[in-house]
């Protein structure tokens, strides 16, 4: 809609606003609008930081729980036969001699 306005129409709108509110109130209105914009911007930044911190906390908790839940495997060093033991495959039965 704003793209359809010609420069003369914009000037006419500004003139009507000036007549309605008066020259004394316009700076105060602009100042309060600027303060509101700064407050909104700072609050948006604070919410973004809180969200990032919360995401980091949840990812750290997920990493910790994943490390605890992972099964531990103990592997012998290559060539170490002293700690080797036979492993029964599923479906195999062992017989004692």
PDB file of N, CA and C in Angstrom:
ATOM      1  N   UNK A   1       0.813  -1.178   0.000  1.00  0.00           N
ATOM      2  CA  UNK A   1       0.000   0.000   0.000  1.00  0.00           C
ATOM      3  C   UNK A   1       0.863   1.251   0.000  1.00  0.00           C
ATOM      4  N   UNK A   2       1.943   1.257   0.774  1.00  0.00           N
ATOM      5  CA  UNK A   2       2.808   2.425   0.836  1.00  0.00           C
ATOM      6  C   UNK A   2       3.502   2.632  -0.503  1.00  0.00           C
ATOM      7  N   UNK A   3       3.771   1.565  -1.218  1.00  0.00           N
ATOM      8  CA  UNK A   3       4.414   1.669  -2.518  1.00  0.00           C
ATOM      9  C   UNK A   3       3.546   2.400  -3.531  1.00  0.00           C
ATOM     10  N   UNK A   4       2.257   2.463  -3.284  1.00  0.00           N
ATOM     11  CA  UNK A   4       1.346   3.134  -4.212  1.00  0.00           C
ATOM     12  C   UNK A   4       1.240   4.631  -3.959  1.00  0.00           C
ATOM     13  N   UNK A   5       1.776   5.107  -2.834  1.00  0.00           N
ATOM     14  CA  UNK A   5       1.681   6.533  -2.503  1.00  0.00           C
ATOM     15  C   UNK A   5       2.716   7.331  -3.286  1.00  0.00           C
ATOM     16  N   UNK A   6       2.266   8.458  -3.810  1.00  0.00           N
ATOM     17  CA  UNK A   6       3.171   9.352  -4.507  1.00  0.00           C
ATOM     18  C   UNK A   6       3.719  10.367  -3.507  1.00  0.00           C
ATOM     19  N   UNK A   7       4.805  11.042  -3.822  1.00  0.00           N
ATOM     20  CA  UNK A   7       5.398  12.015  -2.886  1.00  0.00           C
ATOM     21  C   UNK A   7       4.416  13.095  -2.432  1.00  0.00           C
ATOM     22  N   UNK A   8       3.567  13.566  -3.306  1.00  0.00           N
ATOM     23  CA  UNK A   8       2.604  14.608  -2.924  1.00  0.00           C
ATOM     24  C   UNK A   8       1.623  14.091  -1.881  1.00  0.00           C
ATOM     25  N   UNK A   9       1.204  12.839  -1.985  1.00  0.00           N
ATOM     26  CA  UNK A   9       0.279  12.263  -1.008  1.00  0.00           C
ATOM     27  C   UNK A   9       0.953  12.102   0.354  1.00  0.00           C
ATOM     28  N   UNK A  10       2.222  11.726   0.365  1.00  0.00           N
ATOM     29  CA  UNK A  10       2.963  11.585   1.627  1.00  0.00           C
ATOM     30  C   UNK A  10       3.076  12.934   2.319  1.00  0.00           C
ATOM     31  N   UNK A  11       3.394  13.986   1.567  1.00  0.00           N
ATOM     32  CA  UNK A  11       3.496  15.334   2.133  1.00  0.00           C
ATOM     33  C   UNK A  11       2.154  15.767   2.710  1.00  0.00           C
ATOM     34  N   UNK A  12       1.072  15.466   2.030  1.00  0.00           N
ATOM     35  CA  UNK A  12      -0.262  15.829   2.507  1.00  0.00           C
ATOM     36  C   UNK A  12      -0.591  15.099   3.817  1.00  0.00           C
ATOM     37  N   UNK A  13      -0.233  13.842   3.917  1.00  0.00           N
ATOM     38  CA  UNK A  13      -0.468  13.078   5.156  1.00  0.00           C
ATOM     39  C   UNK A  13       0.345  13.667   6.291  1.00  0.00           C
ATOM     40  N   UNK A  14       1.595  14.005   6.047  1.00  0.00           N
ATOM     41  CA  UNK A  14       2.439  14.604   7.088  1.00  0.00           C
ATOM     42  C   UNK A  14       1.882  15.954   7.537  1.00  0.00           C
ATOM     43  N   UNK A  15       1.358  16.732   6.628  1.00  0.00           N
ATOM     44  CA  UNK A  15       0.775  18.026   6.965  1.00  0.00           C
ATOM     45  C   UNK A  15      -0.462  17.851   7.847  1.00  0.00           C
ATOM     46  N   UNK A  16      -1.297  16.889   7.546  1.00  0.00           N
ATOM     47  CA  UNK A  16      -2.485  16.625   8.364  1.00  0.00           C
ATOM     48  C   UNK A  16      -2.079  16.176   9.768  1.00  0.00           C
ATOM     49  N   UNK A  17      -1.060  15.320   9.864  1.00  0.00           N
ATOM     50  CA  UNK A  17      -0.579  14.869  11.178  1.00  0.00           C
ATOM     51  C   UNK A  17      -0.045  16.055  11.968  1.00  0.00           C
ATOM     52  N   UNK A  18       0.691  16.940  11.339  1.00  0.00           N
ATOM     53  CA  UNK A  18       1.225  18.121  11.997  1.00  0.00           C
ATOM     54  C   UNK A  18       0.102  19.025  12.501  1.00  0.00           C
ATOM     55  N   UNK A  19      -0.925  19.194  11.713  1.00  0.00           N
ATOM     56  CA  UNK A  19      -2.049  20.031  12.137  1.00  0.00           C
ATOM     57  C   UNK A  19      -2.838  19.404  13.285  1.00  0.00           C
ATOM     58  N   UNK A  20      -2.991  18.082  13.252  1.00  0.00           N
ATOM     59  CA  UNK A  20      -3.760  17.410  14.303  1.00  0.00           C
ATOM     60  C   UNK A  20      -3.055  17.430  15.653  1.00  0.00           C
ATOM     61  N   UNK A  21      -1.790  17.116  15.655  1.00  0.00           N
ATOM     62  CA  UNK A  21      -1.078  16.967  16.918  1.00  0.00           C
ATOM     63  C   UNK A  21      -0.329  18.223  17.338  1.00  0.00           C
ATOM     64  N   UNK A  22      -0.032  19.087  16.456  1.00  0.00           N
ATOM     65  CA  UNK A  22       0.679  20.313  16.807  1.00  0.00           C
ATOM     66  C   UNK A  22       2.184  20.090  16.810  1.00  0.00           C
ATOM     67  N   UNK A  23       2.910  21.162  16.595  1.00  0.00           N
ATOM     68  CA  UNK A  23       4.366  21.093  16.488  1.00  0.00           C
ATOM     69  C   UNK A  23       5.029  20.800  17.828  1.00  0.00           C
ATOM     70  N   UNK A  24       4.372  21.156  18.929  1.00  0.00           N
ATOM     71  CA  UNK A  24       4.986  20.948  20.253  1.00  0.00           C
ATOM     72  C   UNK A  24       4.929  19.492  20.691  1.00  0.00           C
ATOM     73  N   UNK A  25       3.896  18.774  20.315  1.00  0.00           N
ATOM     74  CA  UNK A  25       3.737  17.391  20.764  1.00  0.00           C
ATOM     75  C   UNK A  25       4.502  16.398  19.904  1.00  0.00           C
ATOM     76  N   UNK A  26       4.807  16.732  18.681  1.00  0.00           N
ATOM     77  CA  UNK A  26       5.477  15.785  17.790  1.00  0.00           C
ATOM     78  C   UNK A  26       6.856  15.345  18.293  1.00  0.00           C
ATOM     79  N   UNK A  27       7.728  16.255  18.783  1.00  0.00           N
ATOM     80  CA  UNK A  27       9.021  15.777  19.304  1.00  0.00           C
ATOM     81  C   UNK A  27       8.867  14.827  20.497  1.00  0.00           C
ATOM     82  N   UNK A  28       7.901  15.132  21.377  1.00  0.00           N
ATOM     83  CA  UNK A  28       7.663  14.251  22.521  1.00  0.00           C
ATOM     84  C   UNK A  28       7.184  12.871  22.069  1.00  0.00           C
ATOM     85  N   UNK A  29       6.313  12.879  21.076  1.00  0.00           N
ATOM     86  CA  UNK A  29       5.820  11.605  20.555  1.00  0.00           C
ATOM     87  C   UNK A  29       6.950  10.808  19.897  1.00  0.00           C
ATOM     88  N   UNK A  30       7.806  11.479  19.159  1.00  0.00           N
ATOM     89  CA  UNK A  30       8.925  10.802  18.506  1.00  0.00           C
ATOM     90  C   UNK A  30       9.905  10.261  19.550  1.00  0.00           C
ATOM     91  N   UNK A  31      10.138  11.034  20.604  1.00  0.00           N
ATOM     92  CA  UNK A  31      11.032  10.604  21.678  1.00  0.00           C
ATOM     93  C   UNK A  31      10.489   9.355  22.374  1.00  0.00           C
ATOM     94  N   UNK A  32       9.201   9.363  22.696  1.00  0.00           N
ATOM     95  CA  UNK A  32       8.617   8.199  23.364  1.00  0.00           C
ATOM     96  C   UNK A  32       8.581   6.990  22.430  1.00  0.00           C
ATOM     97  N   UNK A  33       8.382   7.233  21.143  1.00  0.00           N
ATOM     98  CA  UNK A  33       8.425   6.138  20.178  1.00  0.00           C
ATOM     99  C   UNK A  33       9.837   5.540  20.104  1.00  0.00           C
ATOM    100  N   UNK A  34      10.852   6.407  20.138  1.00  0.00           N
ATOM    101  CA  UNK A  34      12.240   5.926  20.133  1.00  0.00           C
ATOM    102  C   UNK A  34      12.569   5.114  21.374  1.00  0.00           C
ATOM    103  N   UNK A  35      12.109   5.587  22.542  1.00  0.00           N
ATOM    104  CA  UNK A  35      12.338   4.837  23.787  1.00  0.00           C
ATOM    105  C   UNK A  35      11.671   3.469  23.722  1.00  0.00           C
ATOM    106  N   UNK A  36      10.445   3.452  23.219  1.00  0.00           N
ATOM    107  CA  UNK A  36       9.726   2.176  23.108  1.00  0.00           C
ATOM    108  C   UNK A  36      10.455   1.214  22.184  1.00  0.00           C
ATOM    109  N   UNK A  37      10.985   1.733  21.085  1.00  0.00           N
ATOM    110  CA  UNK A  37      11.724   0.883  20.144  1.00  0.00           C
ATOM    111  C   UNK A  37      12.991   0.333  20.785  1.00  0.00           C
ATOM    112  N   UNK A  38      13.696   1.170  21.559  1.00  0.00           N
ATOM    113  CA  UNK A  38      14.911   0.697  22.245  1.00  0.00           C
ATOM    114  C   UNK A  38      14.579  -0.371  23.282  1.00  0.00           C
ATOM    115  N   UNK A  39      13.516  -0.181  24.031  1.00  0.00           N
ATOM    116  CA  UNK A  39      13.110  -1.171  25.035  1.00  0.00           C
ATOM    117  C   UNK A  39      12.744  -2.482  24.358  1.00  0.00           C
ATOM    118  N   UNK A  40      11.986  -2.392  23.288  1.00  0.00           N
ATOM    119  CA  UNK A  40      11.598  -3.598  22.555  1.00  0.00           C
ATOM    120  C   UNK A  40      12.825  -4.344  22.028  1.00  0.00           C
ATOM    121  N   UNK A  41      13.782  -3.603  21.496  1.00  0.00           N
ATOM    122  CA  UNK A  41      14.998  -4.209  20.960  1.00  0.00           C
ATOM    123  C   UNK A  41      15.812  -4.891  22.067  1.00  0.00           C
ATOM    124  N   UNK A  42      15.959  -4.225  23.220  1.00  0.00           N
ATOM    125  CA  UNK A  42      16.731  -4.826  24.309  1.00  0.00           C
ATOM    126  C   UNK A  42      16.033  -6.064  24.872  1.00  0.00           C
ATOM    127  N   UNK A  43      14.714  -6.027  24.963  1.00  0.00           N
ATOM    128  CA  UNK A  43      13.977  -7.203  25.445  1.00  0.00           C
ATOM    129  C   UNK A  43      14.088  -8.363  24.467  1.00  0.00           C
ATOM    130  N   UNK A  44      14.070  -8.069  23.174  1.00  0.00           N
ATOM    131  CA  UNK A  44      14.215  -9.133  22.176  1.00  0.00           C
ATOM    132  C   UNK A  44      15.594  -9.771  22.273  1.00  0.00           C
ATOM    133  N   UNK A  45      16.638  -8.954  22.489  1.00  0.00           N
ATOM    134  CA  UNK A  45      17.997  -9.487  22.648  1.00  0.00           C
ATOM    135  C   UNK A  45      18.090 -10.361  23.899  1.00  0.00           C
ATOM    136  N   UNK A  46      17.470  -9.901  24.989  1.00  0.00           N
ATOM    137  CA  UNK A  46      17.505 -10.671  26.239  1.00  0.00           C
ATOM    138  C   UNK A  46      16.795 -12.014  26.075  1.00  0.00           C
ATOM    139  N   UNK A  47      15.668 -12.009  25.387  1.00  0.00           N
ATOM    140  CA  UNK A  47      14.949 -13.270  25.163  1.00  0.00           C
ATOM    141  C   UNK A  47      15.765 -14.211  24.285  1.00  0.00           C
ATOM    142  N   UNK A  48      16.460 -13.663  23.300  1.00  0.00           N
ATOM    143  CA  UNK A  48      17.283 -14.486  22.422  1.00  0.00           C
ATOM    144  C   UNK A  48      18.442 -15.117  23.196  1.00  0.00           C
ATOM    145  N   UNK A  49      19.076 -14.335  24.082  1.00  0.00           N
ATOM    146  CA  UNK A  49      20.177 -14.869  24.898  1.00  0.00           C
ATOM    147  C   UNK A  49      19.676 -15.962  25.838  1.00  0.00           C
ATOM    148  N   UNK A  50      18.509 -15.743  26.445  1.00  0.00           N
ATOM    149  CA  UNK A  50      17.944 -16.754  27.348  1.00  0.00           C
ATOM    150  C   UNK A  50      17.629 -18.032  26.588  1.00  0.00           C
ATOM    151  N   UNK A  51      17.110 -17.893  25.389  1.00  0.00           N
ATOM    152  CA  UNK A  51      16.773 -19.058  24.569  1.00  0.00           C
ATOM    153  C   UNK A  51      18.033 -19.831  24.190  1.00  0.00           C
ATOM    154  N   UNK A  52      19.102 -19.110  23.815  1.00  0.00           N
ATOM    155  CA  UNK A  52      20.352 -19.779  23.458  1.00  0.00           C
ATOM    156  C   UNK A  52      20.945 -20.501  24.668  1.00  0.00           C
ATOM    157  N   UNK A  53      20.876 -19.863  25.849  1.00  0.00           N
ATOM    158  CA  UNK A  53      21.400 -20.495  27.062  1.00  0.00           C
ATOM    159  C   UNK A  53      20.601 -21.751  27.400  1.00  0.00           C
ATOM    160  N   UNK A  54      19.290 -21.695  27.242  1.00  0.00           N
ATOM    161  CA  UNK A  54      18.454 -22.854  27.530  1.00  0.00           C
ATOM    162  C   UNK A  54      18.753 -23.990  26.551  1.00  0.00           C
ATOM    163  N   UNK A  55      18.985 -23.657  25.281  1.00  0.00           N
ATOM    164  CA  UNK A  55      19.317 -24.683  24.297  1.00  0.00           C
ATOM    165  C   UNK A  55      20.659 -25.323  24.612  1.00  0.00           C
ATOM    166  N   UNK A  56      21.630 -24.528  25.062  1.00  0.00           N
ATOM    167  CA  UNK A  56      22.934 -25.085  25.418  1.00  0.00           C
ATOM    168  C   UNK A  56      22.809 -25.997  26.628  1.00  0.00           C
ATOM    169  N   UNK A  57      21.979 -25.608  27.596  1.00  0.00           N
ATOM    170  CA  UNK A  57      21.782 -26.441  28.779  1.00  0.00           C
ATOM    171  C   UNK A  57      21.139 -27.775  28.408  1.00  0.00           C
ATOM    172  N   UNK A  58      20.126 -27.752  27.562  1.00  0.00           N
ATOM    173  CA  UNK A  58      19.461 -28.998  27.192  1.00  0.00           C
ATOM    174  C   UNK A  58      20.365 -29.876  26.352  1.00  0.00           C
ATOM    175  N   UNK A  59      21.190 -29.276  25.484  1.00  0.00           N
ATOM    176  CA  UNK A  59      22.106 -30.098  24.687  1.00  0.00           C
ATOM    177  C   UNK A  59      23.188 -30.697  25.574  1.00  0.00           C
ATOM    178  N   UNK A  60      23.642 -29.961  26.596  1.00  0.00           N
ATOM    179  CA  UNK A  60      24.630 -30.505  27.523  1.00  0.00           C
ATOM    180  C   UNK A  60      24.029 -31.655  28.330  1.00  0.00           C
ATOM    181  N   UNK A  61      22.766 -31.512  28.740  1.00  0.00           N
ATOM    182  CA  UNK A  61      22.101 -32.583  29.476  1.00  0.00           C
ATOM    183  C   UNK A  61      21.899 -33.808  28.590  1.00  0.00           C
ATOM    184  N   UNK A  62      21.565 -33.593  27.326  1.00  0.00           N
ATOM    185  CA  UNK A  62      21.393 -34.708  26.406  1.00  0.00           C
ATOM    186  C   UNK A  62      22.712 -35.420  26.173  1.00  0.00           C
ATOM    187  N   UNK A  63      23.805 -34.664  26.045  1.00  0.00           N
ATOM    188  CA  UNK A  63      25.118 -35.277  25.863  1.00  0.00           C
ATOM    189  C   UNK A  63      25.505 -36.104  27.087  1.00  0.00           C
ATOM    190  N   UNK A  64      25.227 -35.564  28.268  1.00  0.00           N
ATOM    191  CA  UNK A  64      25.566 -36.286  29.495  1.00  0.00           C
ATOM    192  C   UNK A  64      24.744 -37.565  29.621  1.00  0.00           C
ATOM    193  N   UNK A  65      23.462 -37.493  29.303  1.00  0.00           N
ATOM    194  CA  UNK A  65      22.627 -38.690  29.403  1.00  0.00           C
ATOM    195  C   UNK A  65      23.009 -39.707  28.332  1.00  0.00           C
ATOM    196  N   UNK A  66      23.422 -39.242  27.157  1.00  0.00           N
ATOM    197  CA  UNK A  66      23.845 -40.162  26.097  1.00  0.00           C
ATOM    198  C   UNK A  66      25.135 -40.868  26.488  1.00  0.00           C
ATOM    199  N   UNK A  67      26.029 -40.159  27.162  1.00  0.00           N
ATOM    200  CA  UNK A  67      27.281 -40.786  27.598  1.00  0.00           C
ATOM    201  C   UNK A  67      27.011 -41.817  28.681  1.00  0.00           C
ATOM    202  N   UNK A  68      26.067 -41.557  29.560  1.00  0.00           N
ATOM    203  CA  UNK A  68      25.755 -42.500  30.618  1.00  0.00           C
ATOM    204  C   UNK A  68      25.035 -43.722  30.069  1.00  0.00           C
ATOM    205  N   UNK A  69      24.216 -43.545  29.057  1.00  0.00           N
ATOM    206  CA  UNK A  69      23.420 -44.635  28.532  1.00  0.00           C
ATOM    207  C   UNK A  69      24.208 -45.515  27.566  1.00  0.00           C
ATOM    208  N   UNK A  70      25.309 -45.034  27.038  1.00  0.00           N
ATOM    209  CA  UNK A  70      26.080 -45.800  26.066  1.00  0.00           C
ATOM    210  C   UNK A  70      26.731 -46.994  26.763  1.00  0.00           C
ATOM    211  N   UNK A  71      26.644 -48.174  26.168  1.00  0.00           N
ATOM    212  CA  UNK A  71      27.269 -49.335  26.794  1.00  0.00           C
ATOM    213  C   UNK A  71      28.786 -49.213  26.731  1.00  0.00           C
ATOM    214  N   UNK A  72      29.417 -49.678  27.769  1.00  0.00           N
ATOM    215  CA  UNK A  72      30.870 -49.613  27.829  1.00  0.00           C
ATOM    216  C   UNK A  72      31.459 -50.901  27.279  1.00  0.00           C
ATOM    217  N   UNK A  73      32.471 -50.750  26.504  1.00  0.00           N
ATOM    218  CA  UNK A  73      33.171 -51.927  25.974  1.00  0.00           C
ATOM    219  C   UNK A  73      34.618 -51.847  26.408  1.00  0.00           C
ATOM    220  N   UNK A  74      35.126 -52.962  26.799  1.00  0.00           N
ATOM    221  CA  UNK A  74      36.531 -53.037  27.211  1.00  0.00           C
ATOM    222  C   UNK A  74      37.248 -53.860  26.168  1.00  0.00           C
ATOM    223  N   UNK A  75      38.257 -53.284  25.592  1.00  0.00           N
ATOM    224  CA  UNK A  75      39.005 -53.977  24.558  1.00  0.00           C
ATOM    225  C   UNK A  75      40.434 -54.202  25.033  1.00  0.00           C
ATOM    226  N   UNK A  76      40.945 -55.353  24.726  1.00  0.00           N
ATOM    227  CA  UNK A  76      42.323 -55.671  25.073  1.00  0.00           C
ATOM    228  C   UNK A  76      43.256 -55.036  24.045  1.00  0.00           C
ATOM    229  N   UNK A  77      44.481 -54.829  24.443  1.00  0.00           N
ATOM    230  CA  UNK A  77      45.473 -54.280  23.524  1.00  0.00           C
ATOM    231  C   UNK A  77      45.796 -55.318  22.462  1.00  0.00           C
ATOM    232  N   UNK A  78      46.165 -54.899  21.256  1.00  0.00           N
ATOM    233  CA  UNK A  78      46.513 -55.871  20.213  1.00  0.00           C
ATOM    234  C   UNK A  78      47.688 -56.749  20.663  1.00  0.00           C
ATOM    235  N   UNK A  79      47.525 -58.036  20.470  1.00  0.00           N
ATOM    236  CA  UNK A  79      48.576 -58.979  20.860  1.00  0.00           C
ATOM    237  C   UNK A  79      48.507 -59.410  22.311  1.00  0.00           C
ATOM    238  N   UNK A  80      47.588 -58.884  23.094  1.00  0.00           N
ATOM    239  CA  UNK A  80      47.458 -59.258  24.496  1.00  0.00           C
ATOM    240  C   UNK A  80      46.596 -60.510  24.569  1.00  0.00           C
ATOM    241  N   UNK A  81      47.227 -61.651  24.810  1.00  0.00           N
ATOM    242  CA  UNK A  81      46.497 -62.912  24.873  1.00  0.00           C
ATOM    243  C   UNK A  81      46.194 -63.330  26.292  1.00  0.00           C
ATOM    244  N   UNK A  82      46.766 -62.639  27.277  1.00  0.00           N
ATOM    245  CA  UNK A  82      46.534 -63.033  28.661  1.00  0.00           C
ATOM    246  C   UNK A  82      45.122 -62.705  29.119  1.00  0.00           C
ATOM    247  N   UNK A  83      44.528 -61.688  28.536  1.00  0.00           N
ATOM    248  CA  UNK A  83      43.180 -61.328  28.959  1.00  0.00           C
ATOM    249  C   UNK A  83      42.112 -61.846  28.007  1.00  0.00           C
ATOM    250  N   UNK A  84      42.519 -62.645  27.016  1.00  0.00           N
ATOM    251  CA  UNK A  84      41.524 -63.138  26.068  1.00  0.00           C
ATOM    252  C   UNK A  84      40.753 -64.295  26.675  1.00  0.00           C
ATOM    253  N   UNK A  85      39.513 -64.417  26.293  1.00  0.00           N
ATOM    254  CA  UNK A  85      38.680 -65.507  26.760  1.00  0.00           C
ATOM    255  C   UNK A  85      37.733 -65.892  25.647  1.00  0.00           C
ATOM    256  N   UNK A  86      37.261 -67.099  25.629  1.00  0.00           N
ATOM    257  CA  UNK A  86      36.364 -67.518  24.561  1.00  0.00           C
ATOM    258  C   UNK A  86      35.008 -66.841  24.691  1.00  0.00           C
ATOM    259  N   UNK A  87      34.412 -66.593  23.579  1.00  0.00           N
ATOM    260  CA  UNK A  87      33.108 -65.951  23.551  1.00  0.00           C
ATOM    261  C   UNK A  87      32.140 -66.902  22.874  1.00  0.00           C
ATOM    262  N   UNK A  88      31.022 -67.151  23.516  1.00  0.00           N
ATOM    263  CA  UNK A  88      29.997 -67.999  22.923  1.00  0.00           C
ATOM    264  C   UNK A  88      29.134 -67.161  21.990  1.00  0.00           C
ATOM    265  N   UNK A  89      29.002 -67.640  20.781  1.00  0.00           N
ATOM    266  CA  UNK A  89      28.128 -66.969  19.829  1.00  0.00           C
ATOM    267  C   UNK A  89      26.691 -67.378  20.137  1.00  0.00           C
ATOM    268  N   UNK A  90      25.738 -66.550  19.828  1.00  0.00           N
ATOM    269  CA  UNK A  90      24.343 -66.935  20.067  1.00  0.00           C
ATOM    270  C   UNK A  90      23.989 -68.192  19.276  1.00  0.00           C
ATOM    271  N   UNK A  91      23.340 -69.113  19.915  1.00  0.00           N
ATOM    272  CA  UNK A  91      22.947 -70.350  19.261  1.00  0.00           C
ATOM    273  C   UNK A  91      23.972 -71.470  19.437  1.00  0.00           C
ATOM    274  N   UNK A  92      25.155 -71.160  19.935  1.00  0.00           N
ATOM    275  CA  UNK A  92      26.182 -72.182  20.164  1.00  0.00           C
ATOM    276  C   UNK A  92      26.048 -72.699  21.588  1.00  0.00           C
ATOM    277  N   UNK A  93      26.288 -74.001  21.742  1.00  0.00           N
ATOM    278  CA  UNK A  93      26.328 -74.555  23.080  1.00  0.00           C
ATOM    279  C   UNK A  93      27.728 -75.063  23.328  1.00  0.00           C
ATOM    280  N   UNK A  94      28.204 -74.839  24.533  1.00  0.00           N
ATOM    281  CA  UNK A  94      29.559 -75.312  24.860  1.00  0.00           C
ATOM    282  C   UNK A  94      29.461 -76.617  25.612  1.00  0.00           C
ATOM    283  N   UNK A  95      30.412 -77.461  25.393  1.00  0.00           N
ATOM    284  CA  UNK A  95      30.487 -78.731  26.130  1.00  0.00           C
ATOM    285  C   UNK A  95      31.775 -78.758  26.901  1.00  0.00           C
ATOM    286  N   UNK A  96      31.691 -79.250  28.115  1.00  0.00           N
ATOM    287  CA  UNK A  96      32.894 -79.366  28.933  1.00  0.00           C
ATOM    288  C   UNK A  96      33.507 -80.719  28.745  1.00  0.00           C
ATOM    289  N   UNK A  97      34.802 -80.749  28.613  1.00  0.00           N
ATOM    290  CA  UNK A  97      35.517 -82.013  28.477  1.00  0.00           C
ATOM    291  C   UNK A  97      36.183 -82.400  29.744  1.00  0.00           C
TER     292      UNK A  97
END
